[in-house]
Amino acid sequence: PDLSGYEKYRLGNVKYNISRIHVTAVEFPSASMSFIPGSGIKLVIANASLTIDMNWNIRTWIFKDSGRSTVYISKVFVTAIFSTPLDNMDYKSISLTSCRTSSGEISIKPNEKN
């Protein structure tokens, strides 16, 4: 989905819109899954990265601008625990019990305007 909103600063509001968000690359160089006896599954993803292309525009009372950018996010770590309870009908279900994420570096490269 598109992202839009505004931020307040001392000199006025900045309205922004980010659209056409497209994930162009995802890498999981280290991922593992393990079972937690009687409880569920633990998923660990380490040092992942992704690349996102997007359009953006901003507007203030002084100026407005728009363009296209590429965002690189690296050193992403995710730990997720899923529970797998057994209900009365022997039907297996899965639910996310906890999730912890962090990212190390974010780089934004503005693309040339046409």
N, C-alpha and C. Protein backbone atom coordinates (compact mmCIF):
# COMPACT_ATOMS: atom_id res chain seq x y z
N PRO A 1 0.83 -1.21 0.00
CA PRO A 1 0.00 0.00 0.00
C PRO A 1 0.86 1.26 0.00
N ASP A 2 0.28 2.35 -0.47
CA ASP A 2 0.97 3.63 -0.45
C ASP A 2 1.06 4.15 0.98
N LEU A 3 2.06 4.96 1.23
CA LEU A 3 2.23 5.61 2.53
C LEU A 3 2.10 7.10 2.34
N SER A 4 1.30 7.75 3.17
CA SER A 4 1.18 9.20 3.07
C SER A 4 0.90 9.76 4.45
N GLY A 5 1.20 11.04 4.59
CA GLY A 5 0.97 11.70 5.86
C GLY A 5 1.66 13.04 5.89
N TYR A 6 1.87 13.55 7.11
CA TYR A 6 2.58 14.81 7.24
C TYR A 6 3.33 14.83 8.56
N GLU A 7 4.38 15.62 8.58
CA GLU A 7 5.19 15.83 9.77
C GLU A 7 5.20 17.31 10.08
N LYS A 8 5.13 17.65 11.35
CA LYS A 8 5.16 19.05 11.76
C LYS A 8 6.58 19.45 12.15
N TYR A 9 7.00 20.57 11.64
CA TYR A 9 8.30 21.16 11.99
C TYR A 9 8.06 22.61 12.38
N ARG A 10 9.06 23.25 12.92
CA ARG A 10 8.91 24.64 13.36
C ARG A 10 8.54 25.58 12.21
N LEU A 11 9.04 25.29 11.03
CA LEU A 11 8.77 26.17 9.90
C LEU A 11 7.52 25.78 9.11
N GLY A 12 6.80 24.75 9.56
CA GLY A 12 5.57 24.35 8.88
C GLY A 12 5.48 22.86 8.70
N ASN A 13 4.40 22.44 8.05
CA ASN A 13 4.15 21.02 7.82
C ASN A 13 4.81 20.55 6.53
N VAL A 14 5.22 19.30 6.54
CA VAL A 14 5.73 18.65 5.33
C VAL A 14 4.78 17.49 5.03
N LYS A 15 4.12 17.56 3.89
CA LYS A 15 3.24 16.48 3.45
C LYS A 15 4.04 15.57 2.54
N TYR A 16 3.85 14.26 2.69
CA TYR A 16 4.58 13.31 1.86
C TYR A 16 3.67 12.20 1.38
N ASN A 17 4.08 11.59 0.28
CA ASN A 17 3.39 10.43 -0.27
C ASN A 17 4.45 9.53 -0.89
N ILE A 18 4.40 8.26 -0.52
CA ILE A 18 5.29 7.25 -1.09
C ILE A 18 4.38 6.23 -1.77
N SER A 19 4.60 6.02 -3.07
CA SER A 19 3.72 5.15 -3.84
C SER A 19 4.52 4.22 -4.73
N ARG A 20 3.81 3.29 -5.33
CA ARG A 20 4.41 2.29 -6.22
C ARG A 20 5.60 1.61 -5.56
N ILE A 21 5.39 1.19 -4.32
CA ILE A 21 6.41 0.49 -3.56
C ILE A 21 6.54 -0.92 -4.12
N HIS A 22 7.75 -1.27 -4.54
CA HIS A 22 7.97 -2.56 -5.19
C HIS A 22 9.26 -3.19 -4.64
N VAL A 23 9.15 -4.35 -4.03
CA VAL A 23 10.32 -5.08 -3.54
C VAL A 23 10.95 -5.77 -4.75
N THR A 24 12.20 -5.40 -5.07
CA THR A 24 12.85 -5.93 -6.26
C THR A 24 13.84 -7.05 -5.96
N ALA A 25 14.31 -7.15 -4.71
CA ALA A 25 15.24 -8.23 -4.35
C ALA A 25 15.16 -8.51 -2.86
N VAL A 26 15.27 -9.80 -2.52
CA VAL A 26 15.31 -10.24 -1.13
C VAL A 26 16.36 -11.34 -1.03
N GLU A 27 17.22 -11.26 -0.03
CA GLU A 27 18.23 -12.29 0.17
C GLU A 27 18.19 -12.77 1.61
N PHE A 28 18.21 -14.09 1.78
CA PHE A 28 18.26 -14.73 3.09
C PHE A 28 19.51 -15.61 3.14
N PRO A 29 20.69 -15.03 3.37
CA PRO A 29 21.91 -15.84 3.35
C PRO A 29 21.99 -16.83 4.51
N SER A 30 21.29 -16.57 5.59
CA SER A 30 21.32 -17.47 6.74
C SER A 30 19.94 -17.55 7.35
N ALA A 31 19.31 -18.72 7.22
CA ALA A 31 17.99 -18.94 7.80
C ALA A 31 17.97 -20.34 8.39
N SER A 32 17.34 -20.44 9.55
CA SER A 32 17.23 -21.77 10.18
C SER A 32 15.88 -21.89 10.87
N MET A 33 15.45 -23.15 11.00
CA MET A 33 14.19 -23.43 11.68
C MET A 33 14.45 -24.58 12.64
N SER A 34 13.90 -24.47 13.85
CA SER A 34 14.04 -25.55 14.81
C SER A 34 12.72 -25.75 15.53
N PHE A 35 12.53 -26.97 16.00
CA PHE A 35 11.31 -27.29 16.74
C PHE A 35 11.53 -27.06 18.22
N ILE A 36 10.52 -26.52 18.87
CA ILE A 36 10.52 -26.34 20.31
C ILE A 36 9.58 -27.42 20.85
N PRO A 37 10.11 -28.46 21.51
CA PRO A 37 9.28 -29.59 21.92
C PRO A 37 8.04 -29.16 22.72
N GLY A 38 6.89 -29.68 22.30
CA GLY A 38 5.63 -29.41 22.98
C GLY A 38 5.11 -28.00 22.84
N SER A 39 5.76 -27.18 22.02
CA SER A 39 5.40 -25.77 21.97
C SER A 39 5.20 -25.25 20.55
N GLY A 40 6.21 -25.42 19.70
CA GLY A 40 6.07 -24.83 18.37
C GLY A 40 7.35 -24.87 17.55
N ILE A 41 7.53 -23.81 16.78
CA ILE A 41 8.63 -23.71 15.82
C ILE A 41 9.32 -22.36 16.00
N LYS A 42 10.65 -22.37 15.94
CA LYS A 42 11.42 -21.13 16.01
C LYS A 42 12.09 -20.92 14.66
N LEU A 43 11.90 -19.74 14.08
CA LEU A 43 12.50 -19.36 12.80
C LEU A 43 13.47 -18.23 13.05
N VAL A 44 14.72 -18.38 12.58
CA VAL A 44 15.73 -17.34 12.72
C VAL A 44 16.29 -17.01 11.35
N ILE A 45 16.23 -15.74 10.99
CA ILE A 45 16.81 -15.25 9.74
C ILE A 45 17.87 -14.23 10.13
N ALA A 46 19.09 -14.44 9.64
CA ALA A 46 20.19 -13.55 10.00
C ALA A 46 20.81 -12.93 8.76
N ASN A 47 21.17 -11.68 8.88
CA ASN A 47 21.89 -10.95 7.84
C ASN A 47 21.16 -10.90 6.50
N ALA A 48 19.85 -10.77 6.55
CA ALA A 48 19.05 -10.67 5.33
C ALA A 48 19.15 -9.26 4.75
N SER A 49 18.75 -9.12 3.51
CA SER A 49 18.73 -7.79 2.89
C SER A 49 17.60 -7.72 1.88
N LEU A 50 17.16 -6.49 1.60
CA LEU A 50 16.15 -6.30 0.57
C LEU A 50 16.33 -4.97 -0.12
N THR A 51 15.83 -4.92 -1.34
CA THR A 51 15.90 -3.73 -2.17
C THR A 51 14.47 -3.34 -2.55
N ILE A 52 14.15 -2.06 -2.39
CA ILE A 52 12.81 -1.56 -2.65
C ILE A 52 12.89 -0.35 -3.57
N ASP A 53 12.10 -0.33 -4.63
CA ASP A 53 11.96 0.85 -5.49
C ASP A 53 10.65 1.53 -5.15
N MET A 54 10.62 2.86 -5.23
CA MET A 54 9.40 3.61 -4.90
C MET A 54 9.39 4.98 -5.56
N ASN A 55 8.17 5.51 -5.72
CA ASN A 55 7.98 6.91 -6.10
C ASN A 55 7.72 7.70 -4.83
N TRP A 56 8.09 8.96 -4.82
CA TRP A 56 7.84 9.81 -3.65
C TRP A 56 7.53 11.22 -4.09
N ASN A 57 6.80 11.93 -3.25
CA ASN A 57 6.64 13.36 -3.44
C ASN A 57 6.44 14.00 -2.08
N ILE A 58 6.96 15.21 -1.97
CA ILE A 58 6.81 15.99 -0.74
C ILE A 58 6.35 17.39 -1.11
N ARG A 59 5.66 18.02 -0.15
CA ARG A 59 5.14 19.37 -0.38
C ARG A 59 5.20 20.14 0.93
N THR A 60 5.73 21.34 0.86
CA THR A 60 5.72 22.25 2.00
C THR A 60 5.13 23.56 1.52
N TRP A 61 5.02 24.54 2.39
CA TRP A 61 4.49 25.83 1.96
C TRP A 61 5.50 26.58 1.10
N ILE A 62 6.77 26.14 1.10
CA ILE A 62 7.81 26.80 0.31
C ILE A 62 8.03 26.12 -1.04
N PHE A 63 8.04 24.79 -1.07
CA PHE A 63 8.36 24.08 -2.31
C PHE A 63 7.67 22.72 -2.34
N LYS A 64 7.74 22.10 -3.53
CA LYS A 64 7.30 20.72 -3.69
C LYS A 64 8.28 20.02 -4.61
N ASP A 65 8.41 18.71 -4.42
CA ASP A 65 9.34 17.94 -5.23
C ASP A 65 8.85 16.51 -5.30
N SER A 66 9.30 15.78 -6.31
CA SER A 66 8.93 14.38 -6.45
C SER A 66 10.04 13.66 -7.19
N GLY A 67 10.00 12.34 -7.13
CA GLY A 67 11.02 11.56 -7.81
C GLY A 67 10.84 10.08 -7.56
N ARG A 68 11.89 9.36 -7.84
CA ARG A 68 11.92 7.91 -7.66
C ARG A 68 13.18 7.58 -6.88
N SER A 69 13.11 6.60 -5.99
CA SER A 69 14.26 6.22 -5.18
C SER A 69 14.35 4.71 -5.05
N THR A 70 15.56 4.26 -4.75
CA THR A 70 15.81 2.87 -4.42
C THR A 70 16.32 2.82 -2.99
N VAL A 71 15.73 1.95 -2.18
CA VAL A 71 16.12 1.82 -0.78
C VAL A 71 16.75 0.45 -0.59
N TYR A 72 17.95 0.43 0.01
CA TYR A 72 18.65 -0.81 0.34
C TYR A 72 18.62 -0.98 1.85
N ILE A 73 18.09 -2.09 2.32
CA ILE A 73 18.05 -2.39 3.75
C ILE A 73 18.88 -3.66 3.95
N SER A 74 19.89 -3.58 4.82
CA SER A 74 20.77 -4.73 5.03
C SER A 74 20.94 -5.00 6.52
N LYS A 75 21.57 -6.12 6.80
CA LYS A 75 21.80 -6.58 8.17
C LYS A 75 20.48 -6.70 8.94
N VAL A 76 19.51 -7.34 8.28
CA VAL A 76 18.19 -7.55 8.88
C VAL A 76 18.20 -8.89 9.62
N PHE A 77 17.74 -8.85 10.87
CA PHE A 77 17.66 -10.05 11.69
C PHE A 77 16.21 -10.23 12.15
N VAL A 78 15.71 -11.46 12.04
CA VAL A 78 14.34 -11.77 12.43
C VAL A 78 14.35 -13.06 13.26
N THR A 79 13.68 -13.02 14.39
CA THR A 79 13.44 -14.22 15.18
C THR A 79 11.94 -14.30 15.41
N ALA A 80 11.34 -15.39 14.98
CA ALA A 80 9.89 -15.57 15.13
C ALA A 80 9.62 -16.92 15.78
N ILE A 81 8.67 -16.94 16.68
CA ILE A 81 8.25 -18.19 17.32
C ILE A 81 6.77 -18.40 17.00
N PHE A 82 6.48 -19.58 16.46
CA PHE A 82 5.13 -19.96 16.09
C PHE A 82 4.67 -21.07 17.03
N SER A 83 3.47 -20.95 17.56
CA SER A 83 2.94 -22.03 18.39
C SER A 83 2.07 -22.91 17.52
N THR A 84 2.07 -24.19 17.84
CA THR A 84 1.30 -25.16 17.07
C THR A 84 0.45 -25.99 18.03
N PRO A 85 -0.60 -25.38 18.61
CA PRO A 85 -1.43 -26.11 19.56
C PRO A 85 -2.29 -27.17 18.87
N LEU A 86 -2.56 -28.21 19.60
CA LEU A 86 -3.44 -29.26 19.09
C LEU A 86 -4.81 -29.07 19.75
N ASP A 87 -5.85 -28.85 18.95
CA ASP A 87 -7.17 -28.62 19.54
C ASP A 87 -7.92 -29.94 19.73
N ASN A 88 -9.16 -29.87 20.19
CA ASN A 88 -9.95 -31.07 20.51
C ASN A 88 -10.26 -31.94 19.31
N MET A 89 -10.20 -31.39 18.11
CA MET A 89 -10.57 -32.15 16.92
C MET A 89 -9.33 -32.64 16.18
N ASP A 90 -8.18 -32.65 16.83
CA ASP A 90 -6.92 -33.06 16.21
C ASP A 90 -6.58 -32.22 14.99
N TYR A 91 -7.08 -31.00 14.97
CA TYR A 91 -6.80 -30.08 13.86
C TYR A 91 -5.59 -29.22 14.24
N LYS A 92 -4.58 -29.23 13.43
CA LYS A 92 -3.39 -28.43 13.70
C LYS A 92 -3.59 -27.00 13.21
N SER A 93 -3.21 -26.07 14.05
CA SER A 93 -3.23 -24.66 13.65
C SER A 93 -1.86 -24.08 14.00
N ILE A 94 -1.57 -22.93 13.47
CA ILE A 94 -0.30 -22.27 13.74
C ILE A 94 -0.58 -20.79 13.98
N SER A 95 0.08 -20.23 14.98
CA SER A 95 -0.09 -18.81 15.24
C SER A 95 1.26 -18.22 15.64
N LEU A 96 1.44 -16.96 15.32
CA LEU A 96 2.67 -16.25 15.65
C LEU A 96 2.61 -15.85 17.12
N THR A 97 3.55 -16.36 17.91
CA THR A 97 3.59 -16.08 19.34
C THR A 97 4.44 -14.85 19.63
N SER A 98 5.59 -14.76 18.97
CA SER A 98 6.44 -13.59 19.15
C SER A 98 7.27 -13.37 17.89
N CYS A 99 7.66 -12.11 17.69
CA CYS A 99 8.48 -11.76 16.53
C CYS A 99 9.36 -10.58 16.92
N ARG A 100 10.63 -10.70 16.65
CA ARG A 100 11.58 -9.63 16.95
C ARG A 100 12.42 -9.39 15.70
N THR A 101 12.49 -8.11 15.27
CA THR A 101 13.26 -7.77 14.09
C THR A 101 14.17 -6.59 14.38
N SER A 102 15.26 -6.52 13.62
CA SER A 102 16.14 -5.36 13.67
C SER A 102 16.82 -5.22 12.32
N SER A 103 17.19 -3.99 11.98
CA SER A 103 17.93 -3.76 10.74
C SER A 103 19.14 -2.90 11.06
N GLY A 104 20.22 -3.17 10.38
CA GLY A 104 21.47 -2.49 10.67
C GLY A 104 21.73 -1.27 9.82
N GLU A 105 21.48 -1.35 8.54
CA GLU A 105 21.80 -0.25 7.63
C GLU A 105 20.68 -0.01 6.64
N ILE A 106 20.41 1.27 6.40
CA ILE A 106 19.43 1.66 5.39
C ILE A 106 20.08 2.73 4.52
N SER A 107 20.07 2.49 3.22
CA SER A 107 20.67 3.42 2.26
C SER A 107 19.60 3.81 1.24
N ILE A 108 19.46 5.10 0.99
CA ILE A 108 18.47 5.59 0.03
C ILE A 108 19.20 6.25 -1.13
N LYS A 109 18.96 5.77 -2.33
CA LYS A 109 19.58 6.33 -3.53
C LYS A 109 18.52 6.98 -4.39
N PRO A 110 18.54 8.33 -4.49
CA PRO A 110 17.59 8.99 -5.40
C PRO A 110 17.95 8.67 -6.84
N ASN A 111 16.95 8.42 -7.65
CA ASN A 111 17.17 8.15 -9.08
C ASN A 111 17.03 9.44 -9.86
N GLU A 112 17.65 9.46 -11.01
CA GLU A 112 17.60 10.63 -11.88
C GLU A 112 16.17 10.87 -12.36
N LYS A 113 15.78 12.12 -12.46
CA LYS A 113 14.47 12.46 -13.01
C LYS A 113 14.55 12.42 -14.52
N ASN A 114 13.45 12.03 -15.15
CA ASN A 114 13.40 12.00 -16.61
C ASN A 114 13.05 13.35 -17.17
